[in-house]
PDB file of all heavy atoms in Angstrom:
ATOM      1  N   SER A   1      -4.260  -4.614   6.641  1.00  0.00           N
ATOM      2  CA  SER A   1      -5.264  -3.749   7.236  1.00  0.00           C
ATOM      3  C   SER A   1      -4.743  -2.314   7.229  1.00  0.00           C
ATOM      4  O   SER A   1      -3.525  -2.087   7.141  1.00  0.00           O
ATOM      5  CB  SER A   1      -5.569  -4.195   8.665  1.00  0.00           C
ATOM      6  OG  SER A   1      -4.456  -3.946   9.507  1.00  0.00           O
ATOM      7  N   PRO A   2      -5.624  -1.313   7.323  1.00  0.00           N
ATOM      8  CA  PRO A   2      -5.159   0.079   7.374  1.00  0.00           C
ATOM      9  C   PRO A   2      -4.165   0.338   8.502  1.00  0.00           C
ATOM     10  O   PRO A   2      -3.182   1.069   8.307  1.00  0.00           O
ATOM     11  CB  PRO A   2      -6.456   0.871   7.577  1.00  0.00           C
ATOM     12  CG  PRO A   2      -7.521   0.014   6.950  1.00  0.00           C
ATOM     13  CD  PRO A   2      -7.104  -1.397   7.241  1.00  0.00           C
ATOM     14  N   SER A   3      -4.396  -0.262   9.674  1.00  0.00           N
ATOM     15  CA  SER A   3      -3.477  -0.044  10.790  1.00  0.00           C
ATOM     16  C   SER A   3      -2.119  -0.673  10.523  1.00  0.00           C
ATOM     17  O   SER A   3      -1.073  -0.110  10.883  1.00  0.00           O
ATOM     18  CB  SER A   3      -4.076  -0.605  12.089  1.00  0.00           C
ATOM     19  OG  SER A   3      -4.262  -2.022  11.997  1.00  0.00           O
ATOM     20  N   GLN A   4      -2.085  -1.855   9.883  1.00  0.00           N
ATOM     21  CA  GLN A   4      -0.810  -2.485   9.544  1.00  0.00           C
ATOM     22  C   GLN A   4      -0.039  -1.632   8.540  1.00  0.00           C
ATOM     23  O   GLN A   4       1.178  -1.450   8.679  1.00  0.00           O
ATOM     24  CB  GLN A   4      -1.049  -3.893   8.986  1.00  0.00           C
ATOM     25  CG  GLN A   4      -1.472  -4.907  10.039  1.00  0.00           C
ATOM     26  CD  GLN A   4      -1.933  -6.225   9.425  1.00  0.00           C
ATOM     27  OE1 GLN A   4      -2.362  -6.285   8.272  1.00  0.00           O
ATOM     28  NE2 GLN A   4      -1.854  -7.295  10.210  1.00  0.00           N
ATOM     29  N   GLU A   5      -0.716  -1.089   7.532  1.00  0.00           N
ATOM     30  CA  GLU A   5      -0.054  -0.203   6.579  1.00  0.00           C
ATOM     31  C   GLU A   5       0.494   1.031   7.285  1.00  0.00           C
ATOM     32  O   GLU A   5       1.626   1.458   7.019  1.00  0.00           O
ATOM     33  CB  GLU A   5      -1.032   0.215   5.484  1.00  0.00           C
ATOM     34  CG  GLU A   5      -1.311  -0.855   4.451  1.00  0.00           C
ATOM     35  CD  GLU A   5      -2.015  -0.302   3.232  1.00  0.00           C
ATOM     36  OE1 GLU A   5      -2.135   0.934   3.123  1.00  0.00           O
ATOM     37  OE2 GLU A   5      -2.443  -1.102   2.374  1.00  0.00           O
ATOM     38  N   ARG A   6      -0.294   1.596   8.185  1.00  0.00           N
ATOM     39  CA  ARG A   6       0.133   2.804   8.892  1.00  0.00           C
ATOM     40  C   ARG A   6       1.357   2.516   9.763  1.00  0.00           C
ATOM     41  O   ARG A   6       2.316   3.310   9.780  1.00  0.00           O
ATOM     42  CB  ARG A   6      -1.030   3.325   9.736  1.00  0.00           C
ATOM     43  CG  ARG A   6      -0.785   4.672  10.383  1.00  0.00           C
ATOM     44  CD  ARG A   6      -2.092   5.302  10.822  1.00  0.00           C
ATOM     45  NE  ARG A   6      -2.832   4.494  11.771  1.00  0.00           N
ATOM     46  CZ  ARG A   6      -3.993   3.895  11.506  1.00  0.00           C
ATOM     47  NH1 ARG A   6      -4.528   3.989  10.297  1.00  0.00           N
ATOM     48  NH2 ARG A   6      -4.614   3.192  12.429  1.00  0.00           N
ATOM     49  N   ASN A   7       1.350   1.390  10.459  1.00  0.00           N
ATOM     50  CA  ASN A   7       2.489   1.030  11.310  1.00  0.00           C
ATOM     51  C   ASN A   7       3.746   0.766  10.493  1.00  0.00           C
ATOM     52  O   ASN A   7       4.853   1.154  10.875  1.00  0.00           O
ATOM     53  CB  ASN A   7       2.149  -0.211  12.144  1.00  0.00           C
ATOM     54  CG  ASN A   7       1.067   0.058  13.178  1.00  0.00           C
ATOM     55  OD1 ASN A   7       0.895   1.188  13.632  1.00  0.00           O
ATOM     56  ND2 ASN A   7       0.319  -0.973  13.550  1.00  0.00           N
ATOM     57  N   LEU A   8       3.588   0.094   9.359  1.00  0.00           N
ATOM     58  CA  LEU A   8       4.732  -0.201   8.498  1.00  0.00           C
ATOM     59  C   LEU A   8       5.305   1.078   7.887  1.00  0.00           C
ATOM     60  O   LEU A   8       6.525   1.250   7.814  1.00  0.00           O
ATOM     61  CB  LEU A   8       4.321  -1.175   7.394  1.00  0.00           C
ATOM     62  CG  LEU A   8       4.115  -2.628   7.822  1.00  0.00           C
ATOM     63  CD1 LEU A   8       3.364  -3.418   6.752  1.00  0.00           C
ATOM     64  CD2 LEU A   8       5.460  -3.300   8.105  1.00  0.00           C
ATOM     65  N   GLU A   9       4.445   1.988   7.456  1.00  0.00           N
ATOM     66  CA  GLU A   9       4.922   3.239   6.868  1.00  0.00           C
ATOM     67  C   GLU A   9       5.637   4.103   7.895  1.00  0.00           C
ATOM     68  O   GLU A   9       6.630   4.760   7.583  1.00  0.00           O
ATOM     69  CB  GLU A   9       3.751   4.001   6.249  1.00  0.00           C
ATOM     70  CG  GLU A   9       3.208   3.324   4.989  1.00  0.00           C
ATOM     71  CD  GLU A   9       2.133   4.122   4.286  1.00  0.00           C
ATOM     72  OE1 GLU A   9       1.416   4.883   4.973  1.00  0.00           O
ATOM     73  OE2 GLU A   9       1.985   3.992   3.055  1.00  0.00           O
ATOM     74  N   ARG A  10       5.138   4.085   9.142  1.00  0.00           N
ATOM     75  CA  ARG A  10       5.792   4.833  10.204  1.00  0.00           C
ATOM     76  C   ARG A  10       7.180   4.251  10.491  1.00  0.00           C
ATOM     77  O   ARG A  10       8.145   5.000  10.687  1.00  0.00           O
ATOM     78  CB  ARG A  10       4.950   4.792  11.480  1.00  0.00           C
ATOM     79  CG  ARG A  10       5.528   5.652  12.621  1.00  0.00           C
ATOM     80  CD  ARG A  10       4.849   5.377  13.942  1.00  0.00           C
ATOM     81  NE  ARG A  10       3.462   5.792  13.921  1.00  0.00           N
ATOM     82  CZ  ARG A  10       2.425   4.983  14.113  1.00  0.00           C
ATOM     83  NH1 ARG A  10       2.619   3.693  14.301  1.00  0.00           N
ATOM     84  NH2 ARG A  10       1.198   5.444  14.104  1.00  0.00           N
ATOM     85  N   ALA A  11       7.294   2.912  10.483  1.00  0.00           N
ATOM     86  CA  ALA A  11       8.563   2.264  10.803  1.00  0.00           C
ATOM     87  C   ALA A  11       9.564   2.352   9.652  1.00  0.00           C
ATOM     88  O   ALA A  11      10.766   2.541   9.867  1.00  0.00           O
ATOM     89  CB  ALA A  11       8.328   0.806  11.179  1.00  0.00           C
ATOM     90  N   LEU A  12       9.080   2.211   8.409  1.00  0.00           N
ATOM     91  CA  LEU A  12       9.970   2.148   7.245  1.00  0.00           C
ATOM     92  C   LEU A  12      10.200   3.510   6.601  1.00  0.00           C
ATOM     93  O   LEU A  12      11.123   3.665   5.789  1.00  0.00           O
ATOM     94  CB  LEU A  12       9.401   1.180   6.200  1.00  0.00           C
ATOM     95  CG  LEU A  12       9.241  -0.276   6.647  1.00  0.00           C
ATOM     96  CD1 LEU A  12       8.503  -1.088   5.581  1.00  0.00           C
ATOM     97  CD2 LEU A  12      10.600  -0.902   6.938  1.00  0.00           C
ATOM     98  N   GLN A  13       9.357   4.510   6.951  1.00  0.00           N
ATOM     99  CA  GLN A  13       9.485   5.852   6.393  1.00  0.00           C
ATOM    100  C   GLN A  13       9.440   5.854   4.867  1.00  0.00           C
ATOM    101  O   GLN A  13      10.212   6.529   4.181  1.00  0.00           O
ATOM    102  CB  GLN A  13      10.761   6.532   6.876  1.00  0.00           C
ATOM    103  CG  GLN A  13      10.769   6.878   8.360  1.00  0.00           C
ATOM    104  CD  GLN A  13       9.760   7.974   8.668  1.00  0.00           C
ATOM    105  OE1 GLN A  13       9.908   9.115   8.214  1.00  0.00           O
ATOM    106  NE2 GLN A  13       8.739   7.627   9.434  1.00  0.00           N
ATOM    107  N   CYS A  14       8.555   5.034   4.320  1.00  0.00           N
ATOM    108  CA  CYS A  14       8.342   5.009   2.873  1.00  0.00           C
ATOM    109  C   CYS A  14       6.937   4.520   2.608  1.00  0.00           C
ATOM    110  O   CYS A  14       6.235   4.079   3.529  1.00  0.00           O
ATOM    111  CB  CYS A  14       9.370   4.107   2.172  1.00  0.00           C
ATOM    112  SG  CYS A  14       9.066   2.349   2.344  1.00  0.00           S
ATOM    113  N   ARG A  15       6.539   4.576   1.381  1.00  0.00           N
ATOM    114  CA  ARG A  15       5.199   4.151   1.021  1.00  0.00           C
ATOM    115  C   ARG A  15       5.105   2.624   1.032  1.00  0.00           C
ATOM    116  O   ARG A  15       5.998   1.926   0.541  1.00  0.00           O
ATOM    117  CB  ARG A  15       4.836   4.678  -0.365  1.00  0.00           C
ATOM    118  CG  ARG A  15       3.382   4.432  -0.737  1.00  0.00           C
ATOM    119  CD  ARG A  15       3.083   4.942  -2.120  1.00  0.00           C
ATOM    120  NE  ARG A  15       1.735   4.603  -2.529  1.00  0.00           N
ATOM    121  CZ  ARG A  15       1.336   4.492  -3.776  1.00  0.00           C
ATOM    122  NH1 ARG A  15       2.203   4.678  -4.753  1.00  0.00           N
ATOM    123  NH2 ARG A  15       0.082   4.188  -4.065  1.00  0.00           N
ATOM    124  N   VAL A  16       4.005   2.108   1.598  1.00  0.00           N
ATOM    125  CA  VAL A  16       3.733   0.677   1.641  1.00  0.00           C
ATOM    126  C   VAL A  16       2.452   0.398   0.864  1.00  0.00           C
ATOM    127  O   VAL A  16       1.439   1.069   1.066  1.00  0.00           O
ATOM    128  CB  VAL A  16       3.608   0.169   3.091  1.00  0.00           C
ATOM    129  CG1 VAL A  16       3.193  -1.305   3.107  1.00  0.00           C
ATOM    130  CG2 VAL A  16       4.922   0.356   3.836  1.00  0.00           C
ATOM    131  N   LEU A  17       2.511  -0.590  -0.017  1.00  0.00           N
ATOM    132  CA  LEU A  17       1.375  -0.945  -0.866  1.00  0.00           C
ATOM    133  C   LEU A  17       1.075  -2.427  -0.690  1.00  0.00           C
ATOM    134  O   LEU A  17       1.991  -3.254  -0.696  1.00  0.00           O
ATOM    135  CB  LEU A  17       1.702  -0.640  -2.326  1.00  0.00           C
ATOM    136  CG  LEU A  17       0.555  -0.625  -3.343  1.00  0.00           C
ATOM    137  CD1 LEU A  17      -0.407   0.519  -3.043  1.00  0.00           C
ATOM    138  CD2 LEU A  17       1.100  -0.472  -4.761  1.00  0.00           C
ATOM    139  N   ASP A  18      -0.201  -2.779  -0.524  1.00  0.00           N
ATOM    140  CA  ASP A  18      -0.536  -4.194  -0.413  1.00  0.00           C
ATOM    141  C   ASP A  18      -1.030  -4.723  -1.755  1.00  0.00           C
ATOM    142  O   ASP A  18      -1.093  -3.999  -2.751  1.00  0.00           O
ATOM    143  CB  ASP A  18      -1.550  -4.437   0.708  1.00  0.00           C
ATOM    144  CG  ASP A  18      -2.936  -3.876   0.404  1.00  0.00           C
ATOM    145  OD1 ASP A  18      -3.090  -3.182  -0.620  1.00  0.00           O
ATOM    146  OD2 ASP A  18      -3.880  -4.141   1.178  1.00  0.00           O
ATOM    147  N   ARG A  19      -1.391  -6.003  -1.791  1.00  0.00           N
ATOM    148  CA  ARG A  19      -1.778  -6.665  -3.038  1.00  0.00           C
ATOM    149  C   ARG A  19      -3.006  -5.993  -3.669  1.00  0.00           C
ATOM    150  O   ARG A  19      -3.034  -5.784  -4.879  1.00  0.00           O
ATOM    151  CB  ARG A  19      -2.071  -8.148  -2.752  1.00  0.00           C
ATOM    152  CG  ARG A  19      -2.449  -8.969  -3.983  1.00  0.00           C
ATOM    153  CD  ARG A  19      -2.755 -10.401  -3.593  1.00  0.00           C
ATOM    154  NE  ARG A  19      -3.221 -11.193  -4.714  1.00  0.00           N
ATOM    155  CZ  ARG A  19      -2.447 -11.856  -5.549  1.00  0.00           C
ATOM    156  NH1 ARG A  19      -1.145 -11.810  -5.397  1.00  0.00           N
ATOM    157  NH2 ARG A  19      -2.977 -12.562  -6.548  1.00  0.00           N
ATOM    158  N   THR A  20      -3.981  -5.648  -2.845  1.00  0.00           N
ATOM    159  CA  THR A  20      -5.183  -5.003  -3.365  1.00  0.00           C
ATOM    160  C   THR A  20      -4.852  -3.659  -4.003  1.00  0.00           C
ATOM    161  O   THR A  20      -5.315  -3.343  -5.100  1.00  0.00           O
ATOM    162  CB  THR A  20      -6.216  -4.816  -2.242  1.00  0.00           C
ATOM    163  OG1 THR A  20      -6.552  -6.082  -1.677  1.00  0.00           O
ATOM    164  CG2 THR A  20      -7.477  -4.149  -2.771  1.00  0.00           C
ATOM    165  N   GLY A  21      -4.049  -2.845  -3.309  1.00  0.00           N
ATOM    166  CA  GLY A  21      -3.643  -1.562  -3.864  1.00  0.00           C
ATOM    167  C   GLY A  21      -2.860  -1.706  -5.156  1.00  0.00           C
ATOM    168  O   GLY A  21      -2.992  -0.887  -6.081  1.00  0.00           O
ATOM    169  N   LEU A  22      -2.047  -2.754  -5.245  1.00  0.00           N
ATOM    170  CA  LEU A  22      -1.271  -3.025  -6.458  1.00  0.00           C
ATOM    171  C   LEU A  22      -2.185  -3.340  -7.635  1.00  0.00           C
ATOM    172  O   LEU A  22      -2.013  -2.799  -8.739  1.00  0.00           O
ATOM    173  CB  LEU A  22      -0.301  -4.185  -6.202  1.00  0.00           C
ATOM    174  CG  LEU A  22       0.566  -4.654  -7.384  1.00  0.00           C
ATOM    175  CD1 LEU A  22       1.511  -3.546  -7.842  1.00  0.00           C
ATOM    176  CD2 LEU A  22       1.358  -5.904  -6.999  1.00  0.00           C
ATOM    177  N   ILE A  23      -3.169  -4.209  -7.415  1.00  0.00           N
ATOM    178  CA  ILE A  23      -4.113  -4.570  -8.477  1.00  0.00           C
ATOM    179  C   ILE A  23      -4.928  -3.347  -8.908  1.00  0.00           C
ATOM    180  O   ILE A  23      -5.158  -3.124 -10.097  1.00  0.00           O
ATOM    181  CB  ILE A  23      -5.039  -5.713  -8.016  1.00  0.00           C
ATOM    182  CG1 ILE A  23      -4.218  -7.001  -7.826  1.00  0.00           C
ATOM    183  CG2 ILE A  23      -6.157  -5.955  -9.020  1.00  0.00           C
ATOM    184  CD1 ILE A  23      -5.008  -8.146  -7.218  1.00  0.00           C
ATOM    185  N   LEU A  24      -5.337  -2.535  -7.948  1.00  0.00           N
ATOM    186  CA  LEU A  24      -6.073  -1.316  -8.268  1.00  0.00           C
ATOM    187  C   LEU A  24      -5.243  -0.370  -9.127  1.00  0.00           C
ATOM    188  O   LEU A  24      -5.756   0.273 -10.043  1.00  0.00           O
ATOM    189  CB  LEU A  24      -6.512  -0.608  -6.987  1.00  0.00           C
ATOM    190  CG  LEU A  24      -7.725  -1.196  -6.261  1.00  0.00           C
ATOM    191  CD1 LEU A  24      -7.899  -0.543  -4.896  1.00  0.00           C
ATOM    192  CD2 LEU A  24      -8.974  -1.023  -7.084  1.00  0.00           C
ATOM    193  N   ASP A  25      -3.949  -0.290  -8.832  1.00  0.00           N
ATOM    194  CA  ASP A  25      -3.061   0.564  -9.615  1.00  0.00           C
ATOM    195  C   ASP A  25      -2.962   0.078 -11.055  1.00  0.00           C
ATOM    196  O   ASP A  25      -2.977   0.876 -11.995  1.00  0.00           O
ATOM    197  CB  ASP A  25      -1.674   0.602  -8.966  1.00  0.00           C
ATOM    198  CG  ASP A  25      -0.732   1.577  -9.665  1.00  0.00           C
ATOM    199  OD1 ASP A  25      -0.850   2.780  -9.398  1.00  0.00           O
ATOM    200  OD2 ASP A  25       0.098   1.134 -10.477  1.00  0.00           O
ATOM    201  N   ILE A  26      -2.866  -1.236 -11.247  1.00  0.00           N
ATOM    202  CA  ILE A  26      -2.809  -1.793 -12.597  1.00  0.00           C
ATOM    203  C   ILE A  26      -4.115  -1.500 -13.337  1.00  0.00           C
ATOM    204  O   ILE A  26      -4.116  -1.093 -14.500  1.00  0.00           O
ATOM    205  CB  ILE A  26      -2.550  -3.311 -12.550  1.00  0.00           C
ATOM    206  CG1 ILE A  26      -1.172  -3.593 -11.944  1.00  0.00           C
ATOM    207  CG2 ILE A  26      -2.639  -3.920 -13.939  1.00  0.00           C
ATOM    208  CD1 ILE A  26      -0.900  -5.066 -11.694  1.00  0.00           C
ATOM    209  N   PHE A  27      -5.230  -1.687 -12.654  1.00  0.00           N
ATOM    210  CA  PHE A  27      -6.524  -1.412 -13.268  1.00  0.00           C
ATOM    211  C   PHE A  27      -6.629   0.051 -13.681  1.00  0.00           C
ATOM    212  O   PHE A  27      -7.171   0.376 -14.741  1.00  0.00           O
ATOM    213  CB  PHE A  27      -7.656  -1.772 -12.310  1.00  0.00           C
ATOM    214  CG  PHE A  27      -8.095  -3.208 -12.400  1.00  0.00           C
ATOM    215  CD1 PHE A  27      -7.158  -4.227 -12.416  1.00  0.00           C
ATOM    216  CD2 PHE A  27      -9.426  -3.550 -12.467  1.00  0.00           C
ATOM    217  CE1 PHE A  27      -7.554  -5.556 -12.517  1.00  0.00           C
ATOM    218  CE2 PHE A  27      -9.834  -4.868 -12.565  1.00  0.00           C
ATOM    219  CZ  PHE A  27      -8.893  -5.872 -12.594  1.00  0.00           C
ATOM    220  N   ALA A  28      -6.129   0.950 -12.833  1.00  0.00           N
ATOM    221  CA  ALA A  28      -6.184   2.383 -13.145  1.00  0.00           C
ATOM    222  C   ALA A  28      -5.382   2.704 -14.396  1.00  0.00           C
ATOM    223  O   ALA A  28      -5.763   3.564 -15.202  1.00  0.00           O
ATOM    224  CB  ALA A  28      -5.671   3.194 -11.962  1.00  0.00           C
ATOM    225  N   GLN A  29      -4.267   2.018 -14.598  1.00  0.00           N
ATOM    226  CA  GLN A  29      -3.439   2.238 -15.783  1.00  0.00           C
ATOM    227  C   GLN A  29      -4.098   1.710 -17.055  1.00  0.00           C
ATOM    228  O   GLN A  29      -3.931   2.266 -18.140  1.00  0.00           O
ATOM    229  CB  GLN A  29      -2.081   1.557 -15.612  1.00  0.00           C
ATOM    230  CG  GLN A  29      -1.201   2.139 -14.516  1.00  0.00           C
ATOM    231  CD  GLN A  29       0.128   1.399 -14.429  1.00  0.00           C
ATOM    232  OE1 GLN A  29       0.780   1.132 -15.437  1.00  0.00           O
ATOM    233  NE2 GLN A  29       0.542   1.030 -13.238  1.00  0.00           N
ATOM    234  N   ARG A  30      -4.860   0.601 -16.940  1.00  0.00           N
ATOM    235  CA  ARG A  30      -5.357  -0.104 -18.114  1.00  0.00           C
ATOM    236  C   ARG A  30      -6.739   0.350 -18.552  1.00  0.00           C
ATOM    237  O   ARG A  30      -7.145   0.038 -19.676  1.00  0.00           O
ATOM    238  CB  ARG A  30      -5.385  -1.622 -17.837  1.00  0.00           C
ATOM    239  CG  ARG A  30      -4.049  -2.192 -17.430  1.00  0.00           C
ATOM    240  CD  ARG A  30      -3.081  -2.311 -18.613  1.00  0.00           C
ATOM    241  NE  ARG A  30      -1.709  -2.420 -18.176  1.00  0.00           N
ATOM    242  CZ  ARG A  30      -1.154  -3.472 -17.635  1.00  0.00           C
ATOM    243  NH1 ARG A  30      -1.858  -4.581 -17.497  1.00  0.00           N
ATOM    244  NH2 ARG A  30       0.121  -3.468 -17.261  1.00  0.00           N
TER     245      ARG A  30
END
């Protein structure tokens, strides 16, 4: 969820990507 991504990014101080975002990135490349 957006809130889970936001909480994880705040805690880990790096970019967090979920499965949907990963698939979208592959589609954007192809």
